[in-house]
Amino acid sequence: MGVVRLADYRSPPAVVEQKVAQLEDGFLRLANELLDATMCSGLPETELCIVMAVWRKTYGFSKKLDWISNDQLEAMIGKHHTHCSSAKNSLIRKKVLIQEGRKVGMNTSISEWKTKNNGFCKTLAEPAKKTLAEVANGPKQKLLTTKDNNQKTERKDPPNPPQGDLEGALKALEYYNQLTNSSCRSAEPYLRLMTETQSRKAYTLQDVCLVTRWIIKTWKLKGGSYIKPESICRVKYFDGYLVDAEKWQRDGVDIDCQAVIDAYNEVTGGRMPSADLYRDREIAIRELATHLAKKNVDGFRNYFKAFIENARDFYFGGPDGSGWCANFDTLMEPKTLRKVKEGSL
């Protein structure tokens, strides 16, 4: 009887095709200065991937601007579309990307970028080398430990200013207190979420308010108590919370958000800045819909008309963009809706 080996029963290994990048398969033209500025900009991983995706969709097709949906970005960089949307909006705020209507593209005016190095690499090698040489060659001073020079002194360093969106964190805390009828005073858990780190982006006010509302409405605790902000703002689990909260909100409020934007642009007719739809505004629209009697596009249209009819002149401005004191985001605030209902604008 012959010897039977385990290899005799295994399926033959699959042939893995080697993929080699070739210029013949396509390439894009990119200015060296733009590439250099991007390399030293200090952008986090997701934002850097979004920048390269914009290059691919614009310069790859000899365009300066193009409309790139969040689903397209998700397929290109392999990250959830909500993270793609937030990263894209962050790049627009940093003026790395420019936006015209629904189209985005690169801002080639590198000096306008609000990144870590403002688009320019600053090397510290030469200044550091010179400074260290001066210290090494300077006169040596011998210090003796005596009662005169060993006294403990109190440091008078100024406190470090808080990082992140402090104003947004305070608004998020106020929102939590309104939902729970509480009087929590520390916004530190929300500020921690709304501060960008090397490993993640900063969450927006809409993100944290949505998760807060979802948890307050769906998580039941014994004795009728509410979960605290410290538990809501756990960074390790917040991405999962956000995905579940967005699904819960979409299931609870079925509304065409783009139609709401179109209704706003139509009703305001140039008296207020025109608006485009992006992820944070989708969240705000669905949130405000819960406060409307008609939770549909007609309900929003009636609200916009009531605002136009009752708001004072200082809310409006000219078509050149000067003088506006209100915009679409202002109208998405529940307090603005309340003022419209009360007639106290």
C-alpha atoms as a PDB file:
ATOM      1  CA  MET A   1       0.000   0.000   0.000  1.00  0.00           C
ATOM      2  CA  GLY A   2       1.378   3.338  -1.039  1.00  0.00           C
ATOM      3  CA  VAL A   3       1.991   6.233   1.353  1.00  0.00           C
ATOM      4  CA  VAL A   4      -0.806   8.816   1.248  1.00  0.00           C
ATOM      5  CA  ARG A   5       0.297  12.388   1.865  1.00  0.00           C
ATOM      6  CA  LEU A   6      -1.901  15.262   3.038  1.00  0.00           C
ATOM      7  CA  ALA A   7      -0.897  17.255  -0.005  1.00  0.00           C
ATOM      8  CA  ASP A   8      -2.739  14.729  -2.197  1.00  0.00           C
ATOM      9  CA  TYR A   9      -6.075  15.964  -0.810  1.00  0.00           C
ATOM     10  CA  ARG A  10      -5.416  19.682  -1.023  1.00  0.00           C
ATOM     11  CA  SER A  11      -6.722  21.759  -3.887  1.00  0.00           C
ATOM     12  CA  PRO A  12      -4.015  23.249  -6.067  1.00  0.00           C
ATOM     13  CA  PRO A  13      -3.049  26.768  -4.958  1.00  0.00           C
ATOM     14  CA  ALA A  14      -4.768  29.604  -6.796  1.00  0.00           C
ATOM     15  CA  VAL A  15      -2.689  31.466  -9.295  1.00  0.00           C
ATOM     16  CA  VAL A  16      -2.193  35.064  -8.103  1.00  0.00           C
ATOM     17  CA  GLU A  17      -1.896  37.502 -10.954  1.00  0.00           C
ATOM     18  CA  GLN A  18       0.904  40.009 -10.543  1.00  0.00           C
ATOM     19  CA  LYS A  19      -0.262  43.555 -11.096  1.00  0.00           C
ATOM     20  CA  VAL A  20       2.314  46.042 -12.304  1.00  0.00           C
ATOM     21  CA  ALA A  21       1.604  49.745 -12.684  1.00  0.00           C
ATOM     22  CA  GLN A  22       2.250  50.977 -16.193  1.00  0.00           C
ATOM     23  CA  LEU A  23       2.049  54.475 -17.653  1.00  0.00           C
ATOM     24  CA  GLU A  24       0.339  52.931 -20.661  1.00  0.00           C
ATOM     25  CA  ASP A  25      -2.664  52.166 -18.424  1.00  0.00           C
ATOM     26  CA  GLY A  26      -3.174  55.856 -17.668  1.00  0.00           C
ATOM     27  CA  PHE A  27      -1.567  58.658 -15.669  1.00  0.00           C
ATOM     28  CA  LEU A  28      -2.352  62.154 -14.409  1.00  0.00           C
ATOM     29  CA  ARG A  29      -0.425  65.436 -14.519  1.00  0.00           C
ATOM     30  CA  LEU A  30       0.340  66.899 -11.102  1.00  0.00           C
ATOM     31  CA  ALA A  31       2.393  69.989 -10.282  1.00  0.00           C
ATOM     32  CA  ASN A  32       5.480  69.195  -8.197  1.00  0.00           C
ATOM     33  CA  GLU A  33       4.747  72.097  -5.830  1.00  0.00           C
ATOM     34  CA  LEU A  34       1.276  70.693  -5.134  1.00  0.00           C
ATOM     35  CA  LEU A  35       2.690  67.246  -4.373  1.00  0.00           C
ATOM     36  CA  ASP A  36       5.453  68.708  -2.158  1.00  0.00           C
ATOM     37  CA  ALA A  37       2.937  70.822  -0.235  1.00  0.00           C
ATOM     38  CA  THR A  38       0.654  67.830   0.316  1.00  0.00           C
ATOM     39  CA  MET A  39       3.507  65.640   1.582  1.00  0.00           C
ATOM     40  CA  CYS A  40       4.446  68.084   4.338  1.00  0.00           C
ATOM     41  CA  SER A  41       0.922  69.330   5.148  1.00  0.00           C
ATOM     42  CA  GLY A  42       0.468  67.008   8.127  1.00  0.00           C
ATOM     43  CA  LEU A  43      -2.999  65.907   7.000  1.00  0.00           C
ATOM     44  CA  PRO A  44      -4.476  62.843   8.767  1.00  0.00           C
ATOM     45  CA  GLU A  45      -4.778  59.591   6.837  1.00  0.00           C
ATOM     46  CA  THR A  46      -8.419  59.861   5.720  1.00  0.00           C
ATOM     47  CA  GLU A  47      -8.030  63.460   4.537  1.00  0.00           C
ATOM     48  CA  LEU A  48      -4.859  62.549   2.645  1.00  0.00           C
ATOM     49  CA  CYS A  49      -6.721  59.715   0.900  1.00  0.00           C
ATOM     50  CA  ILE A  50      -9.544  62.134  -0.021  1.00  0.00           C
ATOM     51  CA  VAL A  51      -7.002  64.538  -1.551  1.00  0.00           C
ATOM     52  CA  MET A  52      -5.601  61.747  -3.727  1.00  0.00           C
ATOM     53  CA  ALA A  53      -9.114  60.644  -4.703  1.00  0.00           C
ATOM     54  CA  VAL A  54      -9.874  64.220  -5.812  1.00  0.00           C
ATOM     55  CA  TRP A  55      -6.668  64.216  -7.875  1.00  0.00           C
ATOM     56  CA  ARG A  56      -7.769  60.977  -9.532  1.00  0.00           C
ATOM     57  CA  LYS A  57     -11.250  62.280 -10.364  1.00  0.00           C
ATOM     58  CA  THR A  58     -10.172  65.734 -11.521  1.00  0.00           C
ATOM     59  CA  TYR A  59      -6.613  65.809 -12.852  1.00  0.00           C
ATOM     60  CA  GLY A  60      -6.984  62.185 -13.979  1.00  0.00           C
ATOM     61  CA  PHE A  61      -9.657  63.368 -16.428  1.00  0.00           C
ATOM     62  CA  SER A  62      -8.101  66.785 -17.204  1.00  0.00           C
ATOM     63  CA  LYS A  63     -10.637  68.612 -15.031  1.00  0.00           C
ATOM     64  CA  LYS A  64     -10.220  71.264 -12.348  1.00  0.00           C
ATOM     65  CA  LEU A  65     -13.504  70.474 -10.566  1.00  0.00           C
ATOM     66  CA  ASP A  66     -15.874  67.523 -10.501  1.00  0.00           C
ATOM     67  CA  TRP A  67     -18.835  66.290  -8.476  1.00  0.00           C
ATOM     68  CA  ILE A  68     -17.660  63.302  -6.436  1.00  0.00           C
ATOM     69  CA  SER A  69     -20.279  61.591  -4.278  1.00  0.00           C
ATOM     70  CA  ASN A  70     -19.475  60.195  -0.838  1.00  0.00           C
ATOM     71  CA  ASP A  71     -20.295  56.699  -2.132  1.00  0.00           C
ATOM     72  CA  GLN A  72     -17.653  57.121  -4.853  1.00  0.00           C
ATOM     73  CA  LEU A  73     -15.094  58.210  -2.261  1.00  0.00           C
ATOM     74  CA  GLU A  74     -16.008  55.231  -0.080  1.00  0.00           C
ATOM     75  CA  ALA A  75     -15.374  52.852  -2.989  1.00  0.00           C
ATOM     76  CA  MET A  76     -12.075  54.563  -3.859  1.00  0.00           C
ATOM     77  CA  ILE A  77     -10.403  54.765  -0.442  1.00  0.00           C
ATOM     78  CA  GLY A  78     -12.143  51.918   1.415  1.00  0.00           C
ATOM     79  CA  LYS A  79     -13.526  54.006   4.297  1.00  0.00           C
ATOM     80  CA  HIS A  80     -17.130  54.542   5.406  1.00  0.00           C
ATOM     81  CA  HIS A  81     -18.950  57.247   3.463  1.00  0.00           C
ATOM     82  CA  THR A  82     -19.686  59.213   6.655  1.00  0.00           C
ATOM     83  CA  HIS A  83     -15.951  59.476   7.346  1.00  0.00           C
ATOM     84  CA  CYS A  84     -15.352  60.456   3.713  1.00  0.00           C
ATOM     85  CA  SER A  85     -17.923  63.244   4.004  1.00  0.00           C
ATOM     86  CA  SER A  86     -16.458  64.593   7.238  1.00  0.00           C
ATOM     87  CA  ALA A  87     -12.899  64.479   5.868  1.00  0.00           C
ATOM     88  CA  LYS A  88     -13.947  66.264   2.670  1.00  0.00           C
ATOM     89  CA  ASN A  89     -15.723  69.015   4.639  1.00  0.00           C
ATOM     90  CA  SER A  90     -12.653  69.386   6.859  1.00  0.00           C
ATOM     91  CA  LEU A  91     -10.443  69.839   3.788  1.00  0.00           C
ATOM     92  CA  ILE A  92     -12.802  72.500   2.468  1.00  0.00           C
ATOM     93  CA  ARG A  93     -12.612  74.352   5.799  1.00  0.00           C
ATOM     94  CA  LYS A  94      -8.803  74.105   5.672  1.00  0.00           C
ATOM     95  CA  LYS A  95      -8.945  75.534   2.125  1.00  0.00           C
ATOM     96  CA  VAL A  96      -7.054  72.559   0.729  1.00  0.00           C
ATOM     97  CA  LEU A  97     -10.107  71.833  -1.415  1.00  0.00           C
ATOM     98  CA  ILE A  98     -12.386  74.375  -3.037  1.00  0.00           C
ATOM     99  CA  GLN A  99     -16.084  73.882  -3.655  1.00  0.00           C
ATOM    100  CA  GLU A 100     -18.316  75.372  -6.327  1.00  0.00           C
ATOM    101  CA  GLY A 101     -21.880  74.147  -5.997  1.00  0.00           C
ATOM    102  CA  ARG A 102     -21.679  70.361  -5.771  1.00  0.00           C
ATOM    103  CA  LYS A 103     -18.234  70.183  -7.400  1.00  0.00           C
ATOM    104  CA  VAL A 104     -14.902  70.061  -5.572  1.00  0.00           C
ATOM    105  CA  GLY A 105     -11.296  70.438  -6.649  1.00  0.00           C
ATOM    106  CA  MET A 106      -7.813  71.314  -5.391  1.00  0.00           C
ATOM    107  CA  ASN A 107      -6.988  74.819  -4.191  1.00  0.00           C
ATOM    108  CA  THR A 108      -3.772  75.514  -6.087  1.00  0.00           C
ATOM    109  CA  SER A 109      -3.156  78.671  -4.023  1.00  0.00           C
ATOM    110  CA  ILE A 110      -1.036  76.754  -1.528  1.00  0.00           C
ATOM    111  CA  SER A 111      -0.412  79.806   0.683  1.00  0.00           C
ATOM    112  CA  GLU A 112      -4.136  79.828   1.581  1.00  0.00           C
ATOM    113  CA  TRP A 113      -4.048  76.329   3.056  1.00  0.00           C
ATOM    114  CA  LYS A 114      -4.716  76.106   6.794  1.00  0.00           C
ATOM    115  CA  THR A 115      -2.766  72.927   7.398  1.00  0.00           C
ATOM    116  CA  LYS A 116      -0.059  72.030   9.889  1.00  0.00           C
ATOM    117  CA  ASN A 117       2.717  73.640   7.823  1.00  0.00           C
ATOM    118  CA  ASN A 118       0.490  75.877   5.677  1.00  0.00           C
ATOM    119  CA  GLY A 119       1.559  73.952   2.613  1.00  0.00           C
ATOM    120  CA  PHE A 120       5.277  74.622   3.034  1.00  0.00           C
ATOM    121  CA  CYS A 121       7.880  72.302   4.578  1.00  0.00           C
ATOM    122  CA  LYS A 122       9.983  74.050   7.197  1.00  0.00           C
ATOM    123  CA  THR A 123      13.170  72.183   8.037  1.00  0.00           C
ATOM    124  CA  LEU A 124      14.716  72.709  11.460  1.00  0.00           C
ATOM    125  CA  ALA A 125      17.972  70.902  10.743  1.00  0.00           C
ATOM    126  CA  GLU A 126      20.209  73.900  10.015  1.00  0.00           C
ATOM    127  CA  PRO A 127      18.884  76.240  12.786  1.00  0.00           C
ATOM    128  CA  ALA A 128      19.065  73.407  15.317  1.00  0.00           C
ATOM    129  CA  LYS A 129      22.609  72.495  14.283  1.00  0.00           C
ATOM    130  CA  LYS A 130      23.749  76.107  14.706  1.00  0.00           C
ATOM    131  CA  THR A 131      22.026  76.544  18.073  1.00  0.00           C
ATOM    132  CA  LEU A 132      23.428  73.322  19.514  1.00  0.00           C
ATOM    133  CA  ALA A 133      26.924  74.262  18.368  1.00  0.00           C
ATOM    134  CA  GLU A 134      26.696  77.630  20.147  1.00  0.00           C
ATOM    135  CA  VAL A 135      25.593  75.942  23.371  1.00  0.00           C
ATOM    136  CA  ALA A 136      28.349  73.331  23.194  1.00  0.00           C
ATOM    137  CA  ASN A 137      31.084  75.905  22.582  1.00  0.00           C
ATOM    138  CA  GLY A 138      29.857  78.338  25.231  1.00  0.00           C
ATOM    139  CA  PRO A 139      31.420  78.794  28.667  1.00  0.00           C
ATOM    140  CA  LYS A 140      30.703  76.086  31.212  1.00  0.00           C
ATOM    141  CA  GLN A 141      29.099  77.125  34.490  1.00  0.00           C
ATOM    142  CA  LYS A 142      29.533  74.990  37.553  1.00  0.00           C
ATOM    143  CA  LEU A 143      26.484  74.867  39.775  1.00  0.00           C
ATOM    144  CA  LEU A 144      26.663  73.912  43.443  1.00  0.00           C
ATOM    145  CA  THR A 145      23.668  72.647  45.338  1.00  0.00           C
ATOM    146  CA  THR A 146      23.250  75.070  48.216  1.00  0.00           C
ATOM    147  CA  LYS A 147      20.389  76.499  50.188  1.00  0.00           C
ATOM    148  CA  ASP A 148      20.480  79.596  47.991  1.00  0.00           C
ATOM    149  CA  ASN A 149      20.018  77.884  44.629  1.00  0.00           C
ATOM    150  CA  ASN A 150      18.009  74.821  45.708  1.00  0.00           C
ATOM    151  CA  GLN A 151      14.805  76.631  46.645  1.00  0.00           C
ATOM    152  CA  LYS A 152      11.545  75.364  45.167  1.00  0.00           C
ATOM    153  CA  THR A 153       9.905  77.989  43.031  1.00  0.00           C
ATOM    154  CA  GLU A 154       6.350  77.997  41.781  1.00  0.00           C
ATOM    155  CA  ARG A 155       6.057  77.969  37.996  1.00  0.00           C
ATOM    156  CA  LYS A 156       4.132  80.839  36.495  1.00  0.00           C
ATOM    157  CA  ASP A 157       3.587  79.304  33.045  1.00  0.00           C
ATOM    158  CA  PRO A 158       0.305  80.420  31.486  1.00  0.00           C
ATOM    159  CA  PRO A 159      -2.291  77.657  31.184  1.00  0.00           C
ATOM    160  CA  ASN A 160      -2.557  75.954  27.826  1.00  0.00           C
ATOM    161  CA  PRO A 161      -5.608  77.136  25.874  1.00  0.00           C
ATOM    162  CA  PRO A 162      -8.207  74.411  25.251  1.00  0.00           C
ATOM    163  CA  GLN A 163      -7.847  72.625  21.925  1.00  0.00           C
ATOM    164  CA  GLY A 164     -10.720  71.703  19.635  1.00  0.00           C
ATOM    165  CA  ASP A 165     -14.160  73.213  19.125  1.00  0.00           C
ATOM    166  CA  LEU A 166     -14.911  74.518  22.631  1.00  0.00           C
ATOM    167  CA  GLU A 167     -17.960  76.495  21.485  1.00  0.00           C
ATOM    168  CA  GLY A 168     -19.371  73.387  19.799  1.00  0.00           C
ATOM    169  CA  ALA A 169     -18.690  71.268  22.895  1.00  0.00           C
ATOM    170  CA  LEU A 170     -20.622  73.742  25.061  1.00  0.00           C
ATOM    171  CA  LYS A 171     -23.543  73.610  22.609  1.00  0.00           C
ATOM    172  CA  ALA A 172     -23.470  69.798  22.697  1.00  0.00           C
ATOM    173  CA  LEU A 173     -23.553  69.855  26.502  1.00  0.00           C
ATOM    174  CA  GLU A 174     -26.466  72.313  26.427  1.00  0.00           C
ATOM    175  CA  TYR A 175     -28.296  69.967  24.041  1.00  0.00           C
ATOM    176  CA  TYR A 176     -27.718  67.034  26.416  1.00  0.00           C
ATOM    177  CA  ASN A 177     -29.071  69.037  29.361  1.00  0.00           C
ATOM    178  CA  GLN A 178     -32.172  69.995  27.355  1.00  0.00           C
ATOM    179  CA  LEU A 179     -32.909  66.377  26.413  1.00  0.00           C
ATOM    180  CA  THR A 180     -32.381  65.026  29.929  1.00  0.00           C
ATOM    181  CA  ASN A 181     -33.504  68.040  31.987  1.00  0.00           C
ATOM    182  CA  SER A 182     -30.099  67.847  33.679  1.00  0.00           C
ATOM    183  CA  SER A 183     -27.551  70.415  34.807  1.00  0.00           C
ATOM    184  CA  CYS A 184     -24.215  68.837  33.849  1.00  0.00           C
ATOM    185  CA  ARG A 185     -21.476  71.473  33.761  1.00  0.00           C
ATOM    186  CA  SER A 186     -18.415  69.786  32.258  1.00  0.00           C
ATOM    187  CA  ALA A 187     -18.152  69.873  28.457  1.00  0.00           C
ATOM    188  CA  GLU A 188     -14.796  68.037  28.559  1.00  0.00           C
ATOM    189  CA  PRO A 189     -16.171  64.699  27.204  1.00  0.00           C
ATOM    190  CA  TYR A 190     -17.628  66.476  24.163  1.00  0.00           C
ATOM    191  CA  LEU A 191     -14.521  68.623  23.704  1.00  0.00           C
ATOM    192  CA  ARG A 192     -12.397  65.467  23.630  1.00  0.00           C
ATOM    193  CA  LEU A 193     -14.479  64.137  20.726  1.00  0.00           C
ATOM    194  CA  MET A 194     -14.430  67.480  18.905  1.00  0.00           C
ATOM    195  CA  THR A 195     -10.616  67.770  19.015  1.00  0.00           C
ATOM    196  CA  GLU A 196      -8.604  66.372  16.118  1.00  0.00           C
ATOM    197  CA  THR A 197      -5.734  64.021  16.965  1.00  0.00           C
ATOM    198  CA  GLN A 198      -3.046  62.323  14.906  1.00  0.00           C
ATOM    199  CA  SER A 199      -5.107  59.130  14.722  1.00  0.00           C
ATOM    200  CA  ARG A 200      -8.580  60.510  13.972  1.00  0.00           C
ATOM    201  CA  LYS A 201     -10.517  63.514  12.757  1.00  0.00           C
ATOM    202  CA  ALA A 202     -12.573  65.784  15.004  1.00  0.00           C
ATOM    203  CA  TYR A 203     -16.248  64.900  15.200  1.00  0.00           C
ATOM    204  CA  THR A 204     -18.704  67.667  14.334  1.00  0.00           C
ATOM    205  CA  LEU A 205     -21.418  69.203  16.479  1.00  0.00           C
ATOM    206  CA  GLN A 206     -24.017  67.400  14.349  1.00  0.00           C
ATOM    207  CA  ASP A 207     -22.244  64.068  14.967  1.00  0.00           C
ATOM    208  CA  VAL A 208     -22.193  64.329  18.749  1.00  0.00           C
ATOM    209  CA  CYS A 209     -25.728  65.750  19.026  1.00  0.00           C
ATOM    210  CA  LEU A 210     -27.116  62.948  16.858  1.00  0.00           C
ATOM    211  CA  VAL A 211     -25.414  60.239  18.925  1.00  0.00           C
ATOM    212  CA  THR A 212     -26.529  61.956  22.138  1.00  0.00           C
ATOM    213  CA  ARG A 213     -30.160  62.015  20.999  1.00  0.00           C
ATOM    214  CA  TRP A 214     -30.026  58.397  19.779  1.00  0.00           C
ATOM    215  CA  ILE A 215     -28.637  57.131  23.070  1.00  0.00           C
ATOM    216  CA  ILE A 216     -31.049  59.181  25.203  1.00  0.00           C
ATOM    217  CA  LYS A 217     -34.055  57.974  23.160  1.00  0.00           C
ATOM    218  CA  THR A 218     -33.111  54.306  22.788  1.00  0.00           C
ATOM    219  CA  TRP A 219     -30.985  53.249  25.742  1.00  0.00           C
ATOM    220  CA  LYS A 220     -33.097  52.396  28.776  1.00  0.00           C
ATOM    221  CA  LEU A 221     -31.460  52.486  32.193  1.00  0.00           C
ATOM    222  CA  LYS A 222     -32.917  51.192  35.438  1.00  0.00           C
ATOM    223  CA  GLY A 223     -34.709  53.726  37.584  1.00  0.00           C
ATOM    224  CA  GLY A 224     -35.358  56.062  34.660  1.00  0.00           C
ATOM    225  CA  SER A 225     -31.879  57.624  34.865  1.00  0.00           C
ATOM    226  CA  TYR A 226     -29.990  58.862  31.794  1.00  0.00           C
ATOM    227  CA  ILE A 227     -26.571  57.787  30.618  1.00  0.00           C
ATOM    228  CA  LYS A 228     -23.882  60.366  31.353  1.00  0.00           C
ATOM    229  CA  PRO A 229     -21.866  62.330  28.737  1.00  0.00           C
ATOM    230  CA  GLU A 230     -18.697  60.427  29.742  1.00  0.00           C
ATOM    231  CA  SER A 231     -20.302  57.171  28.552  1.00  0.00           C
ATOM    232  CA  ILE A 232     -21.796  58.730  25.417  1.00  0.00           C
ATOM    233  CA  CYS A 233     -18.429  60.176  24.361  1.00  0.00           C
ATOM    234  CA  ARG A 234     -16.295  57.032  24.518  1.00  0.00           C
ATOM    235  CA  VAL A 235     -13.895  57.534  21.615  1.00  0.00           C
ATOM    236  CA  LYS A 236     -13.269  53.802  21.182  1.00  0.00           C
ATOM    237  CA  TYR A 237     -16.924  53.093  20.355  1.00  0.00           C
ATOM    238  CA  PHE A 238     -18.070  56.403  18.888  1.00  0.00           C
ATOM    239  CA  ASP A 239     -17.700  55.433  15.213  1.00  0.00           C
ATOM    240  CA  GLY A 240     -20.059  52.496  15.784  1.00  0.00           C
ATOM    241  CA  TYR A 241     -22.464  54.698  17.727  1.00  0.00           C
ATOM    242  CA  LEU A 242     -22.508  57.189  14.851  1.00  0.00           C
ATOM    243  CA  VAL A 243     -23.305  54.587  12.186  1.00  0.00           C
ATOM    244  CA  ASP A 244     -26.175  53.157  14.271  1.00  0.00           C
ATOM    245  CA  ALA A 245     -27.491  56.630  15.103  1.00  0.00           C
ATOM    246  CA  GLU A 246     -27.565  57.684  11.445  1.00  0.00           C
ATOM    247  CA  LYS A 247     -29.488  54.522  10.486  1.00  0.00           C
ATOM    248  CA  TRP A 248     -31.934  55.154  13.357  1.00  0.00           C
ATOM    249  CA  GLN A 249     -32.463  58.729  12.208  1.00  0.00           C
ATOM    250  CA  ARG A 250     -32.998  57.758   8.551  1.00  0.00           C
ATOM    251  CA  ASP A 251     -35.496  55.075   9.538  1.00  0.00           C
ATOM    252  CA  GLY A 252     -37.361  57.510  11.796  1.00  0.00           C
ATOM    253  CA  VAL A 253     -37.487  60.462   9.377  1.00  0.00           C
ATOM    254  CA  ASP A 254     -38.008  59.579   5.717  1.00  0.00           C
ATOM    255  CA  ILE A 255     -37.453  62.850   3.872  1.00  0.00           C
ATOM    256  CA  ASP A 256     -35.776  63.969   0.660  1.00  0.00           C
ATOM    257  CA  CYS A 257     -32.992  66.184   2.022  1.00  0.00           C
ATOM    258  CA  GLN A 258     -31.985  67.471  -1.420  1.00  0.00           C
ATOM    259  CA  ALA A 259     -35.584  68.592  -1.995  1.00  0.00           C
ATOM    260  CA  VAL A 260     -35.406  70.555   1.271  1.00  0.00           C
ATOM    261  CA  ILE A 261     -32.229  72.310   0.050  1.00  0.00           C
ATOM    262  CA  ASP A 262     -33.936  73.074  -3.278  1.00  0.00           C
ATOM    263  CA  ALA A 263     -36.982  74.481  -1.458  1.00  0.00           C
ATOM    264  CA  TYR A 264     -34.734  76.743   0.637  1.00  0.00           C
ATOM    265  CA  ASN A 265     -32.905  78.086  -2.432  1.00  0.00           C
ATOM    266  CA  GLU A 266     -36.221  78.659  -4.202  1.00  0.00           C
ATOM    267  CA  VAL A 267     -37.989  80.393  -1.307  1.00  0.00           C
ATOM    268  CA  THR A 268     -35.076  82.631  -0.301  1.00  0.00           C
ATOM    269  CA  GLY A 269     -34.475  83.596  -3.930  1.00  0.00           C
ATOM    270  CA  GLY A 270     -31.079  85.211  -3.415  1.00  0.00           C
ATOM    271  CA  ARG A 271     -32.014  87.107  -0.253  1.00  0.00           C
ATOM    272  CA  MET A 272     -29.915  84.603   1.707  1.00  0.00           C
ATOM    273  CA  PRO A 273     -26.806  82.587   0.743  1.00  0.00           C
ATOM    274  CA  SER A 274     -27.531  79.599  -1.478  1.00  0.00           C
ATOM    275  CA  ALA A 275     -27.021  76.180   0.116  1.00  0.00           C
ATOM    276  CA  ASP A 276     -25.697  72.780  -0.995  1.00  0.00           C
ATOM    277  CA  LEU A 277     -26.329  69.406   0.605  1.00  0.00           C
ATOM    278  CA  TYR A 278     -23.672  67.561   2.568  1.00  0.00           C
ATOM    279  CA  ARG A 279     -23.671  65.046   5.390  1.00  0.00           C
ATOM    280  CA  ASP A 280     -23.903  67.395   8.396  1.00  0.00           C
ATOM    281  CA  ARG A 281     -26.851  69.172   6.796  1.00  0.00           C
ATOM    282  CA  GLU A 282     -28.638  65.863   6.204  1.00  0.00           C
ATOM    283  CA  ILE A 283     -28.381  65.201   9.935  1.00  0.00           C
ATOM    284  CA  ALA A 284     -29.611  68.722  10.761  1.00  0.00           C
ATOM    285  CA  ILE A 285     -32.570  68.442   8.364  1.00  0.00           C
ATOM    286  CA  ARG A 286     -33.747  65.146   9.840  1.00  0.00           C
ATOM    287  CA  GLU A 287     -33.283  66.511  13.363  1.00  0.00           C
ATOM    288  CA  LEU A 288     -35.322  69.665  12.679  1.00  0.00           C
ATOM    289  CA  ALA A 289     -38.050  67.609  10.965  1.00  0.00           C
ATOM    290  CA  THR A 290     -38.892  66.115  14.367  1.00  0.00           C
ATOM    291  CA  HIS A 291     -39.904  69.622  15.529  1.00  0.00           C
ATOM    292  CA  LEU A 292     -42.163  70.383  12.532  1.00  0.00           C
ATOM    293  CA  ALA A 293     -45.902  69.723  12.386  1.00  0.00           C
ATOM    294  CA  LYS A 294     -45.523  68.525   8.773  1.00  0.00           C
ATOM    295  CA  LYS A 295     -42.457  66.295   8.634  1.00  0.00           C
ATOM    296  CA  ASN A 296     -42.014  66.629   4.866  1.00  0.00           C
ATOM    297  CA  VAL A 297     -40.692  69.052   2.261  1.00  0.00           C
ATOM    298  CA  ASP A 298     -43.890  71.149   2.403  1.00  0.00           C
ATOM    299  CA  GLY A 299     -43.371  71.583   6.152  1.00  0.00           C
ATOM    300  CA  PHE A 300     -39.898  72.962   5.544  1.00  0.00           C
ATOM    301  CA  ARG A 301     -41.129  75.150   2.684  1.00  0.00           C
ATOM    302  CA  ASN A 302     -43.787  76.718   4.950  1.00  0.00           C
ATOM    303  CA  TYR A 303     -41.148  77.285   7.629  1.00  0.00           C
ATOM    304  CA  PHE A 304     -38.792  79.021   5.164  1.00  0.00           C
ATOM    305  CA  LYS A 305     -41.630  81.257   3.928  1.00  0.00           C
ATOM    306  CA  ALA A 306     -42.585  82.188   7.497  1.00  0.00           C
ATOM    307  CA  PHE A 307     -38.980  83.129   8.248  1.00  0.00           C
ATOM    308  CA  ILE A 308     -38.725  85.331   5.133  1.00  0.00           C
ATOM    309  CA  GLU A 309     -41.988  87.082   5.999  1.00  0.00           C
ATOM    310  CA  ASN A 310     -41.224  87.722   9.675  1.00  0.00           C
ATOM    311  CA  ALA A 311     -37.438  88.158   9.899  1.00  0.00           C
ATOM    312  CA  ARG A 312     -36.046  91.658  10.287  1.00  0.00           C
ATOM    313  CA  ASP A 313     -33.967  93.282   7.585  1.00  0.00           C
ATOM    314  CA  PHE A 314     -30.628  92.707   9.301  1.00  0.00           C
ATOM    315  CA  TYR A 315     -30.951  88.952   8.668  1.00  0.00           C
ATOM    316  CA  PHE A 316     -30.631  89.506   4.926  1.00  0.00           C
ATOM    317  CA  GLY A 317     -27.905  90.773   2.627  1.00  0.00           C
ATOM    318  CA  GLY A 318     -27.079  91.416  -0.979  1.00  0.00           C
ATOM    319  CA  PRO A 319     -26.149  88.976  -3.735  1.00  0.00           C
ATOM    320  CA  ASP A 320     -22.465  89.873  -3.320  1.00  0.00           C
ATOM    321  CA  GLY A 321     -22.447  87.978  -0.007  1.00  0.00           C
ATOM    322  CA  SER A 322     -22.189  91.027   2.249  1.00  0.00           C
ATOM    323  CA  GLY A 323     -24.450  91.743   5.174  1.00  0.00           C
ATOM    324  CA  TRP A 324     -25.942  88.285   5.680  1.00  0.00           C
ATOM    325  CA  CYS A 325     -26.651  87.454   9.320  1.00  0.00           C
ATOM    326  CA  ALA A 326     -28.496  84.187   8.602  1.00  0.00           C
ATOM    327  CA  ASN A 327     -28.042  81.203   6.292  1.00  0.00           C
ATOM    328  CA  PHE A 328     -29.390  77.665   5.860  1.00  0.00           C
ATOM    329  CA  ASP A 329     -27.572  76.422   8.964  1.00  0.00           C
ATOM    330  CA  THR A 330     -29.150  79.212  11.019  1.00  0.00           C
ATOM    331  CA  LEU A 331     -32.595  78.050   9.936  1.00  0.00           C
ATOM    332  CA  MET A 332     -31.747  74.470  10.950  1.00  0.00           C
ATOM    333  CA  GLU A 333     -31.310  75.514  14.596  1.00  0.00           C
ATOM    334  CA  PRO A 334     -34.354  74.608  16.736  1.00  0.00           C
ATOM    335  CA  LYS A 335     -34.161  77.998  18.490  1.00  0.00           C
ATOM    336  CA  THR A 336     -34.696  79.763  15.126  1.00  0.00           C
ATOM    337  CA  LEU A 337     -37.793  77.639  14.479  1.00  0.00           C
ATOM    338  CA  ARG A 338     -39.032  78.465  17.974  1.00  0.00           C
ATOM    339  CA  LYS A 339     -38.603  82.188  17.348  1.00  0.00           C
ATOM    340  CA  VAL A 340     -40.512  81.902  14.071  1.00  0.00           C
ATOM    341  CA  LYS A 341     -43.392  80.145  15.855  1.00  0.00           C
ATOM    342  CA  GLU A 342     -43.379  82.774  18.617  1.00  0.00           C
ATOM    343  CA  GLY A 343     -43.063  85.664  16.144  1.00  0.00           C
ATOM    344  CA  SER A 344     -40.074  87.009  18.061  1.00  0.00           C
ATOM    345  CA  LEU A 345     -37.499  87.232  15.252  1.00  0.00           C
END
